[in-house]
PDB file of N, CA and C in Angstrom:
ATOM      1  N   MET A   1       1.645 -15.574   4.889  1.00  0.00           N
ATOM      2  CA  MET A   1       1.791 -13.788   4.800  1.00  0.00           C
ATOM      3  C   MET A   1       1.221 -13.345   5.112  1.00  0.00           C
ATOM      4  N   PRO A   2       1.532 -13.246   6.825  1.00  0.00           N
ATOM      5  CA  PRO A   2       1.096 -12.162   7.944  1.00  0.00           C
ATOM      6  C   PRO A   2       1.661 -10.640   7.115  1.00  0.00           C
ATOM      7  N   HIS A   3       1.049  -9.593   7.178  1.00  0.00           N
ATOM      8  CA  HIS A   3       2.327  -8.772   6.747  1.00  0.00           C
ATOM      9  C   HIS A   3       2.461  -8.107   7.506  1.00  0.00           C
ATOM     10  N   GLU A   4       4.002  -7.192   8.194  1.00  0.00           N
ATOM     11  CA  GLU A   4       4.448  -6.245   9.223  1.00  0.00           C
ATOM     12  C   GLU A   4       3.835  -4.676   8.361  1.00  0.00           C
ATOM     13  N   ILE A   5       3.088  -4.340   9.741  1.00  0.00           N
ATOM     14  CA  ILE A   5       2.308  -3.446  10.231  1.00  0.00           C
ATOM     15  C   ILE A   5       3.589  -2.357   9.534  1.00  0.00           C
ATOM     16  N   LEU A   6       4.301  -1.187   9.218  1.00  0.00           N
ATOM     17  CA  LEU A   6       5.345  -0.187   9.086  1.00  0.00           C
ATOM     18  C   LEU A   6       5.055   1.130   9.531  1.00  0.00           C
ATOM     19  N   LYS A   7       6.029   1.158  10.666  1.00  0.00           N
ATOM     20  CA  LYS A   7       5.969   2.663  11.175  1.00  0.00           C
ATOM     21  C   LYS A   7       7.178   3.368  10.980  1.00  0.00           C
ATOM     22  N   PRO A   8       7.060   4.729  11.380  1.00  0.00           N
ATOM     23  CA  PRO A   8       8.326   5.566  10.701  1.00  0.00           C
ATOM     24  C   PRO A   8       9.743   4.426  11.227  1.00  0.00           C
ATOM     25  N   VAL A   9      10.725   4.713  10.655  1.00  0.00           N
ATOM     26  CA  VAL A   9      11.867   4.074  10.832  1.00  0.00           C
ATOM     27  C   VAL A   9      12.300   5.305  11.959  1.00  0.00           C
ATOM     28  N   PHE A  10      12.558   6.493  11.400  1.00  0.00           N
ATOM     29  CA  PHE A  10      12.866   7.671  12.338  1.00  0.00           C
ATOM     30  C   PHE A  10      12.138   8.991  12.174  1.00  0.00           C
ATOM     31  N   GLU A  11      11.823   9.320  13.991  1.00  0.00           N
ATOM     32  CA  GLU A  11      11.285  10.203  14.095  1.00  0.00           C
ATOM     33  C   GLU A  11      12.155  11.683  14.641  1.00  0.00           C
ATOM     34  N   ARG A  12      12.249  12.793  14.227  1.00  0.00           N
ATOM     35  CA  ARG A  12      13.003  13.442  15.249  1.00  0.00           C
ATOM     36  C   ARG A  12      11.129  14.932  15.082  1.00  0.00           C
ATOM     37  N   SER A  13      11.109  15.566  17.001  1.00  0.00           N
ATOM     38  CA  SER A  13       9.550  16.428  16.552  1.00  0.00           C
ATOM     39  C   SER A  13      10.512  17.334  16.965  1.00  0.00           C
ATOM     40  N   ASP A  14      10.616  18.618  17.317  1.00  0.00           N
ATOM     41  CA  ASP A  14      11.080  19.821  18.001  1.00  0.00           C
ATOM     42  C   ASP A  14      10.613  21.318  17.462  1.00  0.00           C
ATOM     43  N   GLN A  15      10.666  22.675  17.859  1.00  0.00           N
ATOM     44  CA  GLN A  15       9.967  23.956  17.677  1.00  0.00           C
ATOM     45  C   GLN A  15       9.774  24.162  16.083  1.00  0.00           C
ATOM     46  N   ARG A  16      10.154  23.340  14.868  1.00  0.00           N
ATOM     47  CA  ARG A  16      10.934  23.623  13.760  1.00  0.00           C
ATOM     48  C   ARG A  16       9.414  22.693  13.250  1.00  0.00           C
ATOM     49  N   GLY A  17       8.906  21.713  13.714  1.00  0.00           N
ATOM     50  CA  GLY A  17       7.990  20.469  13.353  1.00  0.00           C
ATOM     51  C   GLY A  17       8.299  19.129  13.898  1.00  0.00           C
ATOM     52  N   VAL A  18       8.310  18.431  12.449  1.00  0.00           N
ATOM     53  CA  VAL A  18       8.317  17.140  12.483  1.00  0.00           C
ATOM     54  C   VAL A  18       8.651  16.407  10.995  1.00  0.00           C
ATOM     55  N   PHE A  19       9.668  15.863  11.654  1.00  0.00           N
ATOM     56  CA  PHE A  19      10.541  14.777  10.343  1.00  0.00           C
ATOM     57  C   PHE A  19      10.224  13.688  10.711  1.00  0.00           C
ATOM     58  N   GLN A  20      10.049  12.528   9.639  1.00  0.00           N
ATOM     59  CA  GLN A  20       9.562  11.406   9.785  1.00  0.00           C
ATOM     60  C   GLN A  20      10.300  10.910   8.519  1.00  0.00           C
ATOM     61  N   GLU A  21      11.413   9.908   8.418  1.00  0.00           N
ATOM     62  CA  GLU A  21      11.401   8.801   7.432  1.00  0.00           C
ATOM     63  C   GLU A  21      10.302   7.988   7.719  1.00  0.00           C
ATOM     64  N   LEU A  22       9.533   7.675   6.455  1.00  0.00           N
ATOM     65  CA  LEU A  22       9.003   6.746   6.441  1.00  0.00           C
ATOM     66  C   LEU A  22       9.730   5.355   6.040  1.00  0.00           C
ATOM     67  N   LEU A  23      10.246   5.196   5.670  1.00  0.00           N
ATOM     68  CA  LEU A  23      11.093   3.890   5.356  1.00  0.00           C
ATOM     69  C   LEU A  23      12.442   3.648   4.340  1.00  0.00           C
ATOM     70  N   ASN A  24      13.356   3.613   4.875  1.00  0.00           N
ATOM     71  CA  ASN A  24      14.715   3.497   4.500  1.00  0.00           C
ATOM     72  C   ASN A  24      14.658   2.077   3.459  1.00  0.00           C
ATOM     73  N   THR A  25      14.496   2.072   2.605  1.00  0.00           N
ATOM     74  CA  THR A  25      14.673   0.325   2.157  1.00  0.00           C
ATOM     75  C   THR A  25      14.272   0.302   0.321  1.00  0.00           C
ATOM     76  N   GLY A  26      14.231  -0.459  -0.480  1.00  0.00           N
ATOM     77  CA  GLY A  26      13.595  -0.611  -1.838  1.00  0.00           C
ATOM     78  C   GLY A  26      14.161   0.854  -2.576  1.00  0.00           C
ATOM     79  N   THR A  27      13.650   0.400  -3.805  1.00  0.00           N
ATOM     80  CA  THR A  27      13.901   1.358  -4.885  1.00  0.00           C
ATOM     81  C   THR A  27      12.722   1.365  -5.723  1.00  0.00           C
ATOM     82  N   TRP A  28      12.236   2.754  -5.468  1.00  0.00           N
ATOM     83  CA  TRP A  28      11.027   3.176  -5.961  1.00  0.00           C
ATOM     84  C   TRP A  28      11.186   3.447  -7.382  1.00  0.00           C
ATOM     85  N   GLU A  29      10.695   3.789  -8.433  1.00  0.00           N
ATOM     86  CA  GLU A  29      10.399   4.563  -9.264  1.00  0.00           C
ATOM     87  C   GLU A  29       8.990   5.593  -9.890  1.00  0.00           C
ATOM     88  N   SER A  30       8.200   5.073  -8.621  1.00  0.00           N
ATOM     89  CA  SER A  30       6.933   6.185  -8.991  1.00  0.00           C
ATOM     90  C   SER A  30       6.405   6.174  -7.913  1.00  0.00           C
ATOM     91  N   VAL A  31       6.329   7.605  -6.976  1.00  0.00           N
ATOM     92  CA  VAL A  31       4.952   8.307  -6.471  1.00  0.00           C
ATOM     93  C   VAL A  31       4.371   8.919  -6.638  1.00  0.00           C
ATOM     94  N   ILE A  32       3.400   7.629  -5.565  1.00  0.00           N
ATOM     95  CA  ILE A  32       2.080   8.732  -5.973  1.00  0.00           C
ATOM     96  C   ILE A  32       1.193   8.856  -4.818  1.00  0.00           C
ATOM     97  N   PHE A  33       0.156  10.505  -4.741  1.00  0.00           N
ATOM     98  CA  PHE A  33      -0.348  10.359  -3.676  1.00  0.00           C
ATOM     99  C   PHE A  33      -1.957  10.411  -4.413  1.00  0.00           C
ATOM    100  N   THR A  34      -2.724   9.746  -3.048  1.00  0.00           N
ATOM    101  CA  THR A  34      -4.129   9.325  -3.543  1.00  0.00           C
ATOM    102  C   THR A  34      -4.767  10.191  -2.098  1.00  0.00           C
ATOM    103  N   ARG A  35      -5.980  10.455  -2.086  1.00  0.00           N
ATOM    104  CA  ARG A  35      -7.085  10.754  -1.369  1.00  0.00           C
ATOM    105  C   ARG A  35      -8.194  10.144  -1.838  1.00  0.00           C
ATOM    106  N   MET A  36      -9.334   9.560  -1.255  1.00  0.00           N
ATOM    107  CA  MET A  36      -9.507   8.258  -0.758  1.00  0.00           C
ATOM    108  C   MET A  36     -10.947   8.216  -0.118  1.00  0.00           C
ATOM    109  N   HIS A  37     -12.134   8.376  -0.577  1.00  0.00           N
ATOM    110  CA  HIS A  37     -13.482   8.439   0.186  1.00  0.00           C
ATOM    111  C   HIS A  37     -13.875   6.964   0.593  1.00  0.00           C
ATOM    112  N   PRO A  38     -14.691   6.898   2.118  1.00  0.00           N
ATOM    113  CA  PRO A  38     -15.244   5.769   2.706  1.00  0.00           C
ATOM    114  C   PRO A  38     -15.686   5.378   1.849  1.00  0.00           C
ATOM    115  N   GLY A  39     -15.342   3.717   1.756  1.00  0.00           N
ATOM    116  CA  GLY A  39     -15.703   3.037   0.938  1.00  0.00           C
ATOM    117  C   GLY A  39     -14.869   2.466  -0.431  1.00  0.00           C
ATOM    118  N   ALA A  40     -14.622   3.320  -0.533  1.00  0.00           N
ATOM    119  CA  ALA A  40     -13.629   3.781  -1.831  1.00  0.00           C
ATOM    120  C   ALA A  40     -12.328   2.346  -2.350  1.00  0.00           C
ATOM    121  N   THR A  41     -12.220   1.297  -3.198  1.00  0.00           N
ATOM    122  CA  THR A  41     -11.331   0.703  -2.895  1.00  0.00           C
ATOM    123  C   THR A  41     -10.397   0.398  -4.049  1.00  0.00           C
ATOM    124  N   LEU A  42      -9.280   0.643  -3.760  1.00  0.00           N
ATOM    125  CA  LEU A  42      -8.091   0.321  -5.277  1.00  0.00           C
ATOM    126  C   LEU A  42      -7.841  -1.006  -4.446  1.00  0.00           C
ATOM    127  N   GLY A  43      -7.507  -1.613  -6.063  1.00  0.00           N
ATOM    128  CA  GLY A  43      -6.434  -2.401  -6.366  1.00  0.00           C
ATOM    129  C   GLY A  43      -8.026  -3.965  -7.024  1.00  0.00           C
ATOM    130  N   ASN A  44      -7.715  -4.924  -6.415  1.00  0.00           N
ATOM    131  CA  ASN A  44      -8.140  -5.785  -7.018  1.00  0.00           C
ATOM    132  C   ASN A  44      -7.333  -6.271  -8.081  1.00  0.00           C
ATOM    133  N   HIS A  45      -6.149  -6.652  -7.699  1.00  0.00           N
ATOM    134  CA  HIS A  45      -5.418  -6.951  -9.013  1.00  0.00           C
ATOM    135  C   HIS A  45      -4.166  -7.310  -8.321  1.00  0.00           C
ATOM    136  N   TYR A  46      -3.425  -8.027  -9.222  1.00  0.00           N
ATOM    137  CA  TYR A  46      -1.774  -7.973  -8.649  1.00  0.00           C
ATOM    138  C   TYR A  46      -0.933  -7.459  -9.590  1.00  0.00           C
ATOM    139  N   HIS A  47       0.214  -7.696  -9.340  1.00  0.00           N
ATOM    140  CA  HIS A  47       1.191  -7.137 -10.349  1.00  0.00           C
ATOM    141  C   HIS A  47       2.522  -8.714 -10.647  1.00  0.00           C
ATOM    142  N   LYS A  48       2.892  -8.519 -11.580  1.00  0.00           N
ATOM    143  CA  LYS A  48       4.211  -9.533 -11.686  1.00  0.00           C
ATOM    144  C   LYS A  48       5.498  -8.761 -11.461  1.00  0.00           C
ATOM    145  N   LYS A  49       5.927  -7.684 -11.467  1.00  0.00           N
ATOM    146  CA  LYS A  49       7.268  -7.726 -11.460  1.00  0.00           C
ATOM    147  C   LYS A  49       6.822  -6.272 -10.183  1.00  0.00           C
ATOM    148  N   THR A  50       5.860  -5.658 -10.219  1.00  0.00           N
ATOM    149  CA  THR A  50       5.960  -4.383  -9.395  1.00  0.00           C
ATOM    150  C   THR A  50       5.662  -4.813  -7.885  1.00  0.00           C
ATOM    151  N   ASP A  51       6.191  -3.891  -7.059  1.00  0.00           N
ATOM    152  CA  ASP A  51       6.657  -3.922  -5.645  1.00  0.00           C
ATOM    153  C   ASP A  51       5.784  -2.551  -4.918  1.00  0.00           C
ATOM    154  N   LEU A  52       4.826  -2.611  -3.958  1.00  0.00           N
ATOM    155  CA  LEU A  52       4.548  -1.491  -3.568  1.00  0.00           C
ATOM    156  C   LEU A  52       4.510  -1.425  -2.191  1.00  0.00           C
ATOM    157  N   PHE A  53       4.656  -0.157  -1.611  1.00  0.00           N
ATOM    158  CA  PHE A  53       4.677   0.284  -0.586  1.00  0.00           C
ATOM    159  C   PHE A  53       3.573   0.984  -0.379  1.00  0.00           C
ATOM    160  N   VAL A  54       2.108   1.319   0.441  1.00  0.00           N
ATOM    161  CA  VAL A  54       1.107   1.730   1.105  1.00  0.00           C
ATOM    162  C   VAL A  54       1.504   2.793   2.866  1.00  0.00           C
ATOM    163  N   TYR A  55       1.541   4.058   2.097  1.00  0.00           N
ATOM    164  CA  TYR A  55       1.728   4.754   3.076  1.00  0.00           C
ATOM    165  C   TYR A  55       0.933   5.753   3.868  1.00  0.00           C
ATOM    166  N   LEU A  56       0.005   5.193   4.659  1.00  0.00           N
ATOM    167  CA  LEU A  56      -1.294   6.230   5.386  1.00  0.00           C
ATOM    168  C   LEU A  56      -1.109   7.586   6.040  1.00  0.00           C
ATOM    169  N   LEU A  57      -1.352   8.805   4.956  1.00  0.00           N
ATOM    170  CA  LEU A  57      -1.008   9.528   5.915  1.00  0.00           C
ATOM    171  C   LEU A  57      -2.317   9.990   6.846  1.00  0.00           C
ATOM    172  N   ARG A  58      -3.926  10.305   6.637  1.00  0.00           N
ATOM    173  CA  ARG A  58      -4.713   9.898   7.713  1.00  0.00           C
ATOM    174  C   ARG A  58      -5.662   9.065   6.843  1.00  0.00           C
ATOM    175  N   GLY A  59      -6.731   8.660   8.198  1.00  0.00           N
ATOM    176  CA  GLY A  59      -7.671   7.817   7.729  1.00  0.00           C
ATOM    177  C   GLY A  59      -7.286   6.498   8.394  1.00  0.00           C
ATOM    178  N   ALA A  60      -7.914   5.325   7.680  1.00  0.00           N
ATOM    179  CA  ALA A  60      -7.975   4.028   8.157  1.00  0.00           C
ATOM    180  C   ALA A  60      -8.828   3.419   6.925  1.00  0.00           C
ATOM    181  N   ALA A  61      -7.666   2.034   6.385  1.00  0.00           N
ATOM    182  CA  ALA A  61      -8.290   0.851   5.186  1.00  0.00           C
ATOM    183  C   ALA A  61      -8.285  -0.032   5.469  1.00  0.00           C
ATOM    184  N   GLU A  62      -8.716  -0.982   5.310  1.00  0.00           N
ATOM    185  CA  GLU A  62      -8.896  -2.564   5.254  1.00  0.00           C
ATOM    186  C   GLU A  62      -8.238  -3.044   4.261  1.00  0.00           C
ATOM    187  N   ILE A  63      -7.048  -3.385   4.433  1.00  0.00           N
ATOM    188  CA  ILE A  63      -6.415  -4.208   3.146  1.00  0.00           C
ATOM    189  C   ILE A  63      -7.101  -5.673   3.458  1.00  0.00           C
ATOM    190  N   ARG A  64      -6.884  -6.271   2.626  1.00  0.00           N
ATOM    191  CA  ARG A  64      -7.174  -7.864   2.131  1.00  0.00           C
ATOM    192  C   ARG A  64      -6.309  -7.924   0.759  1.00  0.00           C
ATOM    193  N   THR A  65      -4.843  -9.429   1.035  1.00  0.00           N
ATOM    194  CA  THR A  65      -3.734  -9.936  -0.212  1.00  0.00           C
ATOM    195  C   THR A  65      -4.329 -10.921   0.055  1.00  0.00           C
ATOM    196  N   VAL A  66      -3.979 -11.786  -1.250  1.00  0.00           N
ATOM    197  CA  VAL A  66      -3.620 -13.274  -1.147  1.00  0.00           C
ATOM    198  C   VAL A  66      -2.633 -13.628  -2.658  1.00  0.00           C
ATOM    199  N   ASP A  67      -2.121 -14.670  -2.061  1.00  0.00           N
ATOM    200  CA  ASP A  67      -0.895 -14.868  -3.041  1.00  0.00           C
ATOM    201  C   ASP A  67      -1.293 -15.418  -4.089  1.00  0.00           C
ATOM    202  N   VAL A  68      -1.411 -15.126  -5.258  1.00  0.00           N
ATOM    203  CA  VAL A  68      -2.087 -15.681  -6.548  1.00  0.00           C
ATOM    204  C   VAL A  68      -1.237 -17.232  -7.019  1.00  0.00           C
ATOM    205  N   GLU A  69      -0.343 -17.172  -6.271  1.00  0.00           N
ATOM    206  CA  GLU A  69       0.175 -18.696  -6.778  1.00  0.00           C
ATOM    207  C   GLU A  69      -0.117 -19.732  -5.413  1.00  0.00           C
ATOM    208  N   SER A  70      -0.096 -19.379  -4.525  1.00  0.00           N
ATOM    209  CA  SER A  70      -0.281 -20.396  -2.891  1.00  0.00           C
ATOM    210  C   SER A  70      -1.453 -19.875  -2.333  1.00  0.00           C
ATOM    211  N   GLY A  71      -2.624 -19.017  -2.770  1.00  0.00           N
ATOM    212  CA  GLY A  71      -3.653 -19.430  -2.396  1.00  0.00           C
ATOM    213  C   GLY A  71      -3.741 -18.291  -0.975  1.00  0.00           C
ATOM    214  N   GLU A  72      -2.573 -18.109  -0.606  1.00  0.00           N
ATOM    215  CA  GLU A  72      -2.688 -17.897   1.065  1.00  0.00           C
ATOM    216  C   GLU A  72      -2.841 -15.725   1.438  1.00  0.00           C
ATOM    217  N   GLN A  73      -3.704 -16.387   2.514  1.00  0.00           N
ATOM    218  CA  GLN A  73      -4.638 -14.870   2.360  1.00  0.00           C
ATOM    219  C   GLN A  73      -4.156 -14.390   3.677  1.00  0.00           C
ATOM    220  N   ASP A  74      -4.162 -12.463   3.709  1.00  0.00           N
ATOM    221  CA  ASP A  74      -4.466 -11.604   4.807  1.00  0.00           C
ATOM    222  C   ASP A  74      -4.961 -10.578   5.220  1.00  0.00           C
ATOM    223  N   ARG A  75      -5.620  -9.993   5.940  1.00  0.00           N
ATOM    224  CA  ARG A  75      -6.472  -9.500   6.227  1.00  0.00           C
ATOM    225  C   ARG A  75      -6.072  -8.623   7.108  1.00  0.00           C
ATOM    226  N   PHE A  76      -6.196  -7.463   7.199  1.00  0.00           N
ATOM    227  CA  PHE A  76      -5.846  -6.306   8.451  1.00  0.00           C
ATOM    228  C   PHE A  76      -5.967  -5.087   7.718  1.00  0.00           C
ATOM    229  N   MET A  77      -5.887  -4.163   9.210  1.00  0.00           N
ATOM    230  CA  MET A  77      -6.428  -2.749   8.891  1.00  0.00           C
ATOM    231  C   MET A  77      -5.023  -2.264   8.945  1.00  0.00           C
ATOM    232  N   LEU A  78      -5.301  -1.068   8.477  1.00  0.00           N
ATOM    233  CA  LEU A  78      -3.602   0.030   8.246  1.00  0.00           C
ATOM    234  C   LEU A  78      -4.285   1.178   8.322  1.00  0.00           C
ATOM    235  N   GLU A  79      -3.864   1.895   9.883  1.00  0.00           N
ATOM    236  CA  GLU A  79      -4.272   3.506  10.258  1.00  0.00           C
ATOM    237  C   GLU A  79      -3.476   4.752  10.137  1.00  0.00           C
ATOM    238  N   SER A  80      -3.678   6.052  10.255  1.00  0.00           N
ATOM    239  CA  SER A  80      -3.319   6.742  10.010  1.00  0.00           C
ATOM    240  C   SER A  80      -1.402   6.615  10.603  1.00  0.00           C
ATOM    241  N   GLY A  81      -0.491   6.697   9.813  1.00  0.00           N
ATOM    242  CA  GLY A  81       0.861   7.272  10.826  1.00  0.00           C
ATOM    243  C   GLY A  81       2.140   5.605   9.885  1.00  0.00           C
ATOM    244  N   SER A  82       0.631   4.449   9.788  1.00  0.00           N
ATOM    245  CA  SER A  82       1.674   3.420   9.618  1.00  0.00           C
ATOM    246  C   SER A  82       1.266   2.664   8.106  1.00  0.00           C
ATOM    247  N   GLY A  83       2.176   1.649   7.561  1.00  0.00           N
ATOM    248  CA  GLY A  83       2.742   1.752   6.098  1.00  0.00           C
ATOM    249  C   GLY A  83       2.797  -0.129   5.900  1.00  0.00           C
ATOM    250  N   VAL A  84       2.924  -0.652   4.798  1.00  0.00           N
ATOM    251  CA  VAL A  84       2.586  -1.676   4.693  1.00  0.00           C
ATOM    252  C   VAL A  84       3.361  -2.268   3.438  1.00  0.00           C
ATOM    253  N   MET A  85       4.531  -3.216   2.693  1.00  0.00           N
ATOM    254  CA  MET A  85       4.604  -3.631   1.806  1.00  0.00           C
ATOM    255  C   MET A  85       3.924  -4.826   1.225  1.00  0.00           C
ATOM    256  N   LEU A  86       3.801  -4.785  -0.078  1.00  0.00           N
ATOM    257  CA  LEU A  86       2.742  -5.094  -0.812  1.00  0.00           C
ATOM    258  C   LEU A  86       3.547  -5.911  -1.770  1.00  0.00           C
ATOM    259  N   GLN A  87       3.919  -7.147  -1.929  1.00  0.00           N
ATOM    260  CA  GLN A  87       5.166  -7.727  -2.836  1.00  0.00           C
ATOM    261  C   GLN A  87       4.422  -7.821  -4.270  1.00  0.00           C
ATOM    262  N   SER A  88       5.155  -8.295  -5.960  1.00  0.00           N
ATOM    263  CA  SER A  88       4.300  -8.672  -6.744  1.00  0.00           C
ATOM    264  C   SER A  88       3.616 -10.305  -6.295  1.00  0.00           C
ATOM    265  N   PHE A  89       2.969 -10.664  -7.037  1.00  0.00           N
ATOM    266  CA  PHE A  89       2.162 -11.525  -7.303  1.00  0.00           C
ATOM    267  C   PHE A  89       1.453 -12.137  -5.606  1.00  0.00           C
ATOM    268  N   GLN A  90       1.123 -10.650  -5.208  1.00  0.00           N
ATOM    269  CA  GLN A  90       0.368 -10.514  -3.993  1.00  0.00           C
ATOM    270  C   GLN A  90      -1.022  -9.279  -5.097  1.00  0.00           C
ATOM    271  N   SER A  91      -2.571 -10.481  -4.728  1.00  0.00           N
ATOM    272  CA  SER A  91      -3.763  -9.883  -5.088  1.00  0.00           C
ATOM    273  C   SER A  91      -3.878  -9.181  -3.988  1.00  0.00           C
ATOM    274  N   HIS A  92      -4.455  -7.560  -4.141  1.00  0.00           N
ATOM    275  CA  HIS A  92      -4.606  -6.647  -2.697  1.00  0.00           C
ATOM    276  C   HIS A  92      -5.925  -5.983  -3.340  1.00  0.00           C
ATOM    277  N   ALA A  93      -6.185  -5.783  -1.987  1.00  0.00           N
ATOM    278  CA  ALA A  93      -7.976  -4.837  -2.521  1.00  0.00           C
ATOM    279  C   ALA A  93      -7.295  -4.016  -1.152  1.00  0.00           C
ATOM    280  N   ILE A  94      -7.640  -2.389  -1.233  1.00  0.00           N
ATOM    281  CA  ILE A  94      -7.765  -1.688  -0.168  1.00  0.00           C
ATOM    282  C   ILE A  94      -8.511  -1.175  -0.308  1.00  0.00           C
ATOM    283  N   ARG A  95      -9.305  -0.730   0.764  1.00  0.00           N
ATOM    284  CA  ARG A  95     -11.383  -0.615   0.749  1.00  0.00           C
ATOM    285  C   ARG A  95     -10.734   0.549   2.231  1.00  0.00           C
ATOM    286  N   PHE A  96     -10.868   2.058   1.245  1.00  0.00           N
ATOM    287  CA  PHE A  96     -11.026   3.197   3.077  1.00  0.00           C
ATOM    288  C   PHE A  96     -11.974   2.783   3.730  1.00  0.00           C
ATOM    289  N   VAL A  97     -12.119   3.123   4.823  1.00  0.00           N
ATOM    290  CA  VAL A  97     -13.165   2.847   5.483  1.00  0.00           C
ATOM    291  C   VAL A  97     -13.607   4.535   6.623  1.00  0.00           C
ATOM    292  N   GLN A  98     -12.503   5.510   6.520  1.00  0.00           N
ATOM    293  CA  GLN A  98     -12.995   6.384   6.857  1.00  0.00           C
ATOM    294  C   GLN A  98     -12.102   7.730   5.476  1.00  0.00           C
ATOM    295  N   GLU A  99     -12.489   9.155   5.534  1.00  0.00           N
ATOM    296  CA  GLU A  99     -11.534   9.487   4.341  1.00  0.00           C
ATOM    297  C   GLU A  99     -10.107   9.453   4.719  1.00  0.00           C
ATOM    298  N   SER A 100      -9.655   9.841   3.380  1.00  0.00           N
ATOM    299  CA  SER A 100      -7.429   8.975   3.681  1.00  0.00           C
ATOM    300  C   SER A 100      -7.601   9.790   2.654  1.00  0.00           C
ATOM    301  N   GLU A 101      -6.042   9.195   2.928  1.00  0.00           N
ATOM    302  CA  GLU A 101      -5.028   9.784   2.305  1.00  0.00           C
ATOM    303  C   GLU A 101      -4.379   9.030   2.233  1.00  0.00           C
ATOM    304  N   ALA A 102      -2.988   8.708   0.850  1.00  0.00           N
ATOM    305  CA  ALA A 102      -2.042   8.090   1.432  1.00  0.00           C
ATOM    306  C   ALA A 102      -1.143   8.342   0.283  1.00  0.00           C
ATOM    307  N   ILE A 103       0.094   7.625   0.702  1.00  0.00           N
ATOM    308  CA  ILE A 103       0.938   7.767  -0.441  1.00  0.00           C
ATOM    309  C   ILE A 103       1.324   6.303  -0.923  1.00  0.00           C
ATOM    310  N   ILE A 104       2.053   6.131  -2.309  1.00  0.00           N
ATOM    311  CA  ILE A 104       2.184   4.533  -2.779  1.00  0.00           C
ATOM    312  C   ILE A 104       3.640   5.161  -3.410  1.00  0.00           C
ATOM    313  N   LEU A 105       4.360   4.181  -3.060  1.00  0.00           N
ATOM    314  CA  LEU A 105       5.364   3.589  -3.875  1.00  0.00           C
ATOM    315  C   LEU A 105       5.298   2.489  -4.585  1.00  0.00           C
ATOM    316  N   LYS A 106       5.760   2.781  -5.819  1.00  0.00           N
ATOM    317  CA  LYS A 106       6.079   1.317  -6.970  1.00  0.00           C
ATOM    318  C   LYS A 106       7.520   1.408  -7.331  1.00  0.00           C
ATOM    319  N   SER A 107       7.566  -0.256  -7.600  1.00  0.00           N
ATOM    320  CA  SER A 107       9.364  -0.284  -7.500  1.00  0.00           C
ATOM    321  C   SER A 107       9.100   0.039  -9.162  1.00  0.00           C
ATOM    322  N   CYS A 108       8.352   0.080  -9.921  1.00  0.00           N
ATOM    323  CA  CYS A 108       8.037  -0.227 -11.049  1.00  0.00           C
ATOM    324  C   CYS A 108       7.067   0.969 -11.763  1.00  0.00           C
ATOM    325  N   ARG A 109       7.315   2.212 -12.576  1.00  0.00           N
ATOM    326  CA  ARG A 109       6.297   2.518 -13.115  1.00  0.00           C
ATOM    327  C   ARG A 109       5.761   2.560 -13.953  1.00  0.00           C
ATOM    328  N   PHE A 110       4.316   3.161 -14.228  1.00  0.00           N
ATOM    329  CA  PHE A 110       3.380   2.502 -15.170  1.00  0.00           C
ATOM    330  C   PHE A 110       3.988   2.764 -16.367  1.00  0.00           C
ATOM    331  N   ASP A 111       3.626   1.830 -16.997  1.00  0.00           N
ATOM    332  CA  ASP A 111       3.866   1.950 -18.540  1.00  0.00           C
ATOM    333  C   ASP A 111       2.460   1.635 -19.738  1.00  0.00           C
ATOM    334  N   LYS A 112       2.070   2.472 -20.496  1.00  0.00           N
ATOM    335  CA  LYS A 112       1.006   2.135 -20.748  1.00  0.00           C
ATOM    336  C   LYS A 112       0.674   0.787 -22.021  1.00  0.00           C
ATOM    337  N   ALA A 113       2.454   0.577 -22.243  1.00  0.00           N
ATOM    338  CA  ALA A 113       2.278  -0.895 -23.263  1.00  0.00           C
ATOM    339  C   ALA A 113       2.350  -2.105 -22.518  1.00  0.00           C
ATOM    340  N   ASP A 114       2.839  -1.599 -20.729  1.00  0.00           N
ATOM    341  CA  ASP A 114       2.957  -2.996 -20.561  1.00  0.00           C
ATOM    342  C   ASP A 114       2.695  -2.696 -18.306  1.00  0.00           C
ATOM    343  N   PRO A 115       0.918  -2.529 -18.696  1.00  0.00           N
ATOM    344  CA  PRO A 115       0.903  -1.684 -17.406  1.00  0.00           C
ATOM    345  C   PRO A 115       0.950  -3.040 -16.020  1.00  0.00           C
ATOM    346  N   ASP A 116       1.074  -4.212 -16.039  1.00  0.00           N
ATOM    347  CA  ASP A 116       1.906  -4.922 -15.038  1.00  0.00           C
ATOM    348  C   ASP A 116       0.734  -4.750 -14.212  1.00  0.00           C
ATOM    349  N   THR A 117      -0.308  -4.865 -14.251  1.00  0.00           N
ATOM    350  CA  THR A 117      -1.870  -4.899 -13.788  1.00  0.00           C
ATOM    351  C   THR A 117      -2.613  -6.405 -14.221  1.00  0.00           C
ATOM    352  N   TYR A 118      -3.032  -7.016 -13.172  1.00  0.00           N
ATOM    353  CA  TYR A 118      -3.396  -8.129 -13.440  1.00  0.00           C
ATOM    354  C   TYR A 118      -5.011  -8.314 -12.742  1.00  0.00           C
ATOM    355  N   PRO A 119      -6.576  -8.478 -13.390  1.00  0.00           N
ATOM    356  CA  PRO A 119      -7.035  -8.900 -12.632  1.00  0.00           C
ATOM    357  C   PRO A 119      -7.510  -9.883 -11.575  1.00  0.00           C
ATOM    358  N   PHE A 120      -7.202  -9.545 -10.359  1.00  0.00           N
ATOM    359  CA  PHE A 120      -8.359 -10.932  -9.513  1.00  0.00           C
ATOM    360  C   PHE A 120      -8.573 -10.251  -8.421  1.00  0.00           C
ATOM    361  N   PRO A 121      -9.667 -10.399  -8.379  1.00  0.00           N
ATOM    362  CA  PRO A 121     -11.117  -9.350  -7.350  1.00  0.00           C
ATOM    363  C   PRO A 121     -11.167 -10.481  -5.848  1.00  0.00           C
ATOM    364  N   LEU A 122     -10.651 -10.068  -5.083  1.00  0.00           N
ATOM    365  CA  LEU A 122     -10.989 -10.422  -3.606  1.00  0.00           C
ATOM    366  C   LEU A 122     -12.222 -10.095  -3.575  1.00  0.00           C
ATOM    367  N   GLU A 123     -13.407 -10.999  -2.979  1.00  0.00           N
ATOM    368  CA  GLU A 123     -14.680 -11.051  -2.624  1.00  0.00           C
ATOM    369  C   GLU A 123     -14.833 -10.849  -1.163  1.00  0.00           C
ATOM    370  N   ASP A 124     -15.990 -10.727  -1.191  1.00  0.00           N
ATOM    371  CA  ASP A 124     -15.715 -10.926   0.871  1.00  0.00           C
ATOM    372  C   ASP A 124     -16.552 -11.838   1.065  1.00  0.00           C
TER     373      ASP A 124
END
């Protein structure tokens, strides 16, 4: 289950500034901005219905995943200006190694009655 590191699919830079199309696929119900400190970890869980797209605006993070059904694992670095898709049934732990800012897209919005979050810690 190696993950593909995604770069913007289109970029325009001119006298006005920079325009980047970060992703042009998927159906998203939730957009999240996060600012995380070095050593902070998000995740250690998986979702049964929700897919994620994580795009790092600045900083760096180590991402670990395990497919909870097959046991297949992956570990990789995500750096500024890149993103990754995390599928349902993939437990994920995102450990920030620098002061970081990210945008996270979720295919399902958070519902208190059915949070679709299942603990599955990824140990070192």
